[in-house]
């Protein structure tokens, strides 16, 4: 078996932690307005992705999913903490997640 195959994948390590509503360093205060966001990671951020995710949590992001192959992290943040995410080293951009969608159940009526 090759040396690479015996090592756990970086993606697996990251994905197992934040995909189910990870716990941020500080929860948004009760009643605070939150916004779902997409955080785009730059090349330097990809090189230190685990640390970047921790830094984003410290800045207030409730991490939902880390999509390492496309350099994107999804989550939600209190609106008053939104600007802080852009200041985190390794972040290329932060934008609102415009719409969510869900595929109808197989038994539902076609619209």
C-alpha atoms as a PDB file:
ATOM      1  CA  UNK A   1       0.000   0.000   0.000  1.00  0.00           C
ATOM      2  CA  UNK A   2       1.380   3.420  -0.834  1.00  0.00           C
ATOM      3  CA  UNK A   3       2.233   5.932   1.844  1.00  0.00           C
ATOM      4  CA  UNK A   4      -0.416   8.355   0.568  1.00  0.00           C
ATOM      5  CA  UNK A   5      -3.187   5.771   0.694  1.00  0.00           C
ATOM      6  CA  UNK A   6      -2.495   5.022   4.358  1.00  0.00           C
ATOM      7  CA  UNK A   7      -2.916   8.647   5.434  1.00  0.00           C
ATOM      8  CA  UNK A   8      -6.408   9.982   6.204  1.00  0.00           C
ATOM      9  CA  UNK A   9      -7.559  12.499   3.644  1.00  0.00           C
ATOM     10  CA  UNK A  10      -7.476  16.131   4.611  1.00  0.00           C
ATOM     11  CA  UNK A  11     -10.971  16.541   3.196  1.00  0.00           C
ATOM     12  CA  UNK A  12     -12.337  13.710   5.353  1.00  0.00           C
ATOM     13  CA  UNK A  13     -10.854  15.224   8.488  1.00  0.00           C
ATOM     14  CA  UNK A  14     -12.445  18.585   7.784  1.00  0.00           C
ATOM     15  CA  UNK A  15     -15.751  17.305   6.502  1.00  0.00           C
ATOM     16  CA  UNK A  16     -16.344  15.096   9.529  1.00  0.00           C
ATOM     17  CA  UNK A  17     -16.119  18.024  11.897  1.00  0.00           C
ATOM     18  CA  UNK A  18     -18.222  20.927  10.559  1.00  0.00           C
ATOM     19  CA  UNK A  19     -20.873  19.334   8.350  1.00  0.00           C
ATOM     20  CA  UNK A  20     -23.409  19.012  11.156  1.00  0.00           C
ATOM     21  CA  UNK A  21     -23.841  22.479  12.575  1.00  0.00           C
ATOM     22  CA  UNK A  22     -20.381  22.823  14.121  1.00  0.00           C
ATOM     23  CA  UNK A  23     -20.129  24.742  17.352  1.00  0.00           C
ATOM     24  CA  UNK A  24     -18.700  28.226  16.840  1.00  0.00           C
ATOM     25  CA  UNK A  25     -16.412  29.839  19.378  1.00  0.00           C
ATOM     26  CA  UNK A  26     -19.260  32.185  20.246  1.00  0.00           C
ATOM     27  CA  UNK A  27     -22.898  31.645  19.395  1.00  0.00           C
ATOM     28  CA  UNK A  28     -24.787  34.594  17.911  1.00  0.00           C
ATOM     29  CA  UNK A  29     -26.781  36.211  20.692  1.00  0.00           C
ATOM     30  CA  UNK A  30     -30.401  35.139  21.022  1.00  0.00           C
ATOM     31  CA  UNK A  31     -32.584  37.131  18.682  1.00  0.00           C
ATOM     32  CA  UNK A  32     -29.606  38.372  16.646  1.00  0.00           C
ATOM     33  CA  UNK A  33     -30.325  38.474  12.936  1.00  0.00           C
ATOM     34  CA  UNK A  34     -28.186  35.935  11.081  1.00  0.00           C
ATOM     35  CA  UNK A  35     -27.308  35.515   7.444  1.00  0.00           C
ATOM     36  CA  UNK A  36     -26.283  32.383   5.556  1.00  0.00           C
ATOM     37  CA  UNK A  37     -22.997  32.940   3.720  1.00  0.00           C
ATOM     38  CA  UNK A  38     -20.526  31.362   1.322  1.00  0.00           C
ATOM     39  CA  UNK A  39     -16.892  31.991   2.221  1.00  0.00           C
ATOM     40  CA  UNK A  40     -14.433  31.663  -0.668  1.00  0.00           C
ATOM     41  CA  UNK A  41     -10.939  30.588   0.365  1.00  0.00           C
ATOM     42  CA  UNK A  42      -7.769  31.846  -1.339  1.00  0.00           C
ATOM     43  CA  UNK A  43      -4.752  29.619  -2.147  1.00  0.00           C
ATOM     44  CA  UNK A  44      -2.975  30.480   1.098  1.00  0.00           C
ATOM     45  CA  UNK A  45      -6.130  29.642   3.040  1.00  0.00           C
ATOM     46  CA  UNK A  46      -6.438  26.268   1.331  1.00  0.00           C
ATOM     47  CA  UNK A  47      -2.933  25.405   2.493  1.00  0.00           C
ATOM     48  CA  UNK A  48      -4.050  25.907   6.124  1.00  0.00           C
ATOM     49  CA  UNK A  49      -7.726  25.038   5.872  1.00  0.00           C
ATOM     50  CA  UNK A  50      -8.162  23.481   9.324  1.00  0.00           C
ATOM     51  CA  UNK A  51      -6.720  26.604  10.958  1.00  0.00           C
ATOM     52  CA  UNK A  52      -8.814  28.858   8.701  1.00  0.00           C
ATOM     53  CA  UNK A  53     -12.027  27.088   9.737  1.00  0.00           C
ATOM     54  CA  UNK A  54     -11.081  27.659  13.397  1.00  0.00           C
ATOM     55  CA  UNK A  55     -10.340  31.344  12.678  1.00  0.00           C
ATOM     56  CA  UNK A  56     -13.731  31.755  10.981  1.00  0.00           C
ATOM     57  CA  UNK A  57     -15.451  30.185  13.983  1.00  0.00           C
ATOM     58  CA  UNK A  58     -13.592  32.613  16.239  1.00  0.00           C
ATOM     59  CA  UNK A  59     -14.902  35.446  14.036  1.00  0.00           C
ATOM     60  CA  UNK A  60     -18.469  34.221  14.589  1.00  0.00           C
ATOM     61  CA  UNK A  61     -19.180  31.819  11.715  1.00  0.00           C
ATOM     62  CA  UNK A  62     -21.340  28.805  12.493  1.00  0.00           C
ATOM     63  CA  UNK A  63     -19.704  26.411  10.024  1.00  0.00           C
ATOM     64  CA  UNK A  64     -22.100  24.123   8.198  1.00  0.00           C
ATOM     65  CA  UNK A  65     -19.928  22.563   5.505  1.00  0.00           C
ATOM     66  CA  UNK A  66     -16.349  22.705   4.243  1.00  0.00           C
ATOM     67  CA  UNK A  67     -16.075  22.096   0.505  1.00  0.00           C
ATOM     68  CA  UNK A  68     -12.308  21.763   0.142  1.00  0.00           C
ATOM     69  CA  UNK A  69     -12.206  20.781  -3.575  1.00  0.00           C
ATOM     70  CA  UNK A  70     -13.858  24.065  -4.557  1.00  0.00           C
ATOM     71  CA  UNK A  71     -12.386  26.224  -1.778  1.00  0.00           C
ATOM     72  CA  UNK A  72     -15.709  27.163  -0.200  1.00  0.00           C
ATOM     73  CA  UNK A  73     -17.065  27.109   3.348  1.00  0.00           C
ATOM     74  CA  UNK A  74     -20.775  27.513   4.060  1.00  0.00           C
ATOM     75  CA  UNK A  75     -22.344  28.692   7.267  1.00  0.00           C
ATOM     76  CA  UNK A  76     -24.266  31.399   9.029  1.00  0.00           C
ATOM     77  CA  UNK A  77     -23.150  34.433  10.974  1.00  0.00           C
ATOM     78  CA  UNK A  78     -24.746  37.241  12.966  1.00  0.00           C
ATOM     79  CA  UNK A  79     -25.176  40.227  10.652  1.00  0.00           C
ATOM     80  CA  UNK A  80     -23.084  42.422  12.960  1.00  0.00           C
ATOM     81  CA  UNK A  81     -20.161  39.941  12.639  1.00  0.00           C
ATOM     82  CA  UNK A  82     -20.330  39.674   8.844  1.00  0.00           C
ATOM     83  CA  UNK A  83     -17.531  42.162   8.133  1.00  0.00           C
ATOM     84  CA  UNK A  84     -15.163  40.340  10.503  1.00  0.00           C
ATOM     85  CA  UNK A  85     -15.205  37.257   8.258  1.00  0.00           C
ATOM     86  CA  UNK A  86     -13.693  39.200   5.354  1.00  0.00           C
ATOM     87  CA  UNK A  87     -10.783  40.239   7.574  1.00  0.00           C
ATOM     88  CA  UNK A  88      -9.720  36.657   8.356  1.00  0.00           C
ATOM     89  CA  UNK A  89      -6.422  35.749   6.685  1.00  0.00           C
ATOM     90  CA  UNK A  90      -7.024  33.230   3.899  1.00  0.00           C
ATOM     91  CA  UNK A  91     -10.505  34.476   3.000  1.00  0.00           C
ATOM     92  CA  UNK A  92     -10.889  35.621  -0.596  1.00  0.00           C
ATOM     93  CA  UNK A  93     -14.511  36.724  -0.278  1.00  0.00           C
ATOM     94  CA  UNK A  94     -17.757  36.462   1.672  1.00  0.00           C
ATOM     95  CA  UNK A  95     -21.123  36.593  -0.042  1.00  0.00           C
ATOM     96  CA  UNK A  96     -24.701  35.904   0.996  1.00  0.00           C
ATOM     97  CA  UNK A  97     -26.125  32.529   0.114  1.00  0.00           C
ATOM     98  CA  UNK A  98     -28.975  33.741  -2.059  1.00  0.00           C
ATOM     99  CA  UNK A  99     -31.398  30.860  -2.095  1.00  0.00           C
ATOM    100  CA  UNK A 100     -31.793  27.421  -0.760  1.00  0.00           C
ATOM    101  CA  UNK A 101     -33.804  24.797  -2.521  1.00  0.00           C
ATOM    102  CA  UNK A 102     -35.112  21.353  -1.850  1.00  0.00           C
ATOM    103  CA  UNK A 103     -36.081  18.662  -4.303  1.00  0.00           C
ATOM    104  CA  UNK A 104     -39.699  17.577  -3.768  1.00  0.00           C
ATOM    105  CA  UNK A 105     -40.423  14.151  -2.363  1.00  0.00           C
ATOM    106  CA  UNK A 106     -40.998  11.443  -5.011  1.00  0.00           C
ATOM    107  CA  UNK A 107     -44.668  11.125  -3.997  1.00  0.00           C
ATOM    108  CA  UNK A 108     -45.425  14.842  -4.224  1.00  0.00           C
ATOM    109  CA  UNK A 109     -47.506  16.425  -7.000  1.00  0.00           C
ATOM    110  CA  UNK A 110     -45.563  17.977  -9.875  1.00  0.00           C
ATOM    111  CA  UNK A 111     -46.074  21.712 -10.056  1.00  0.00           C
END
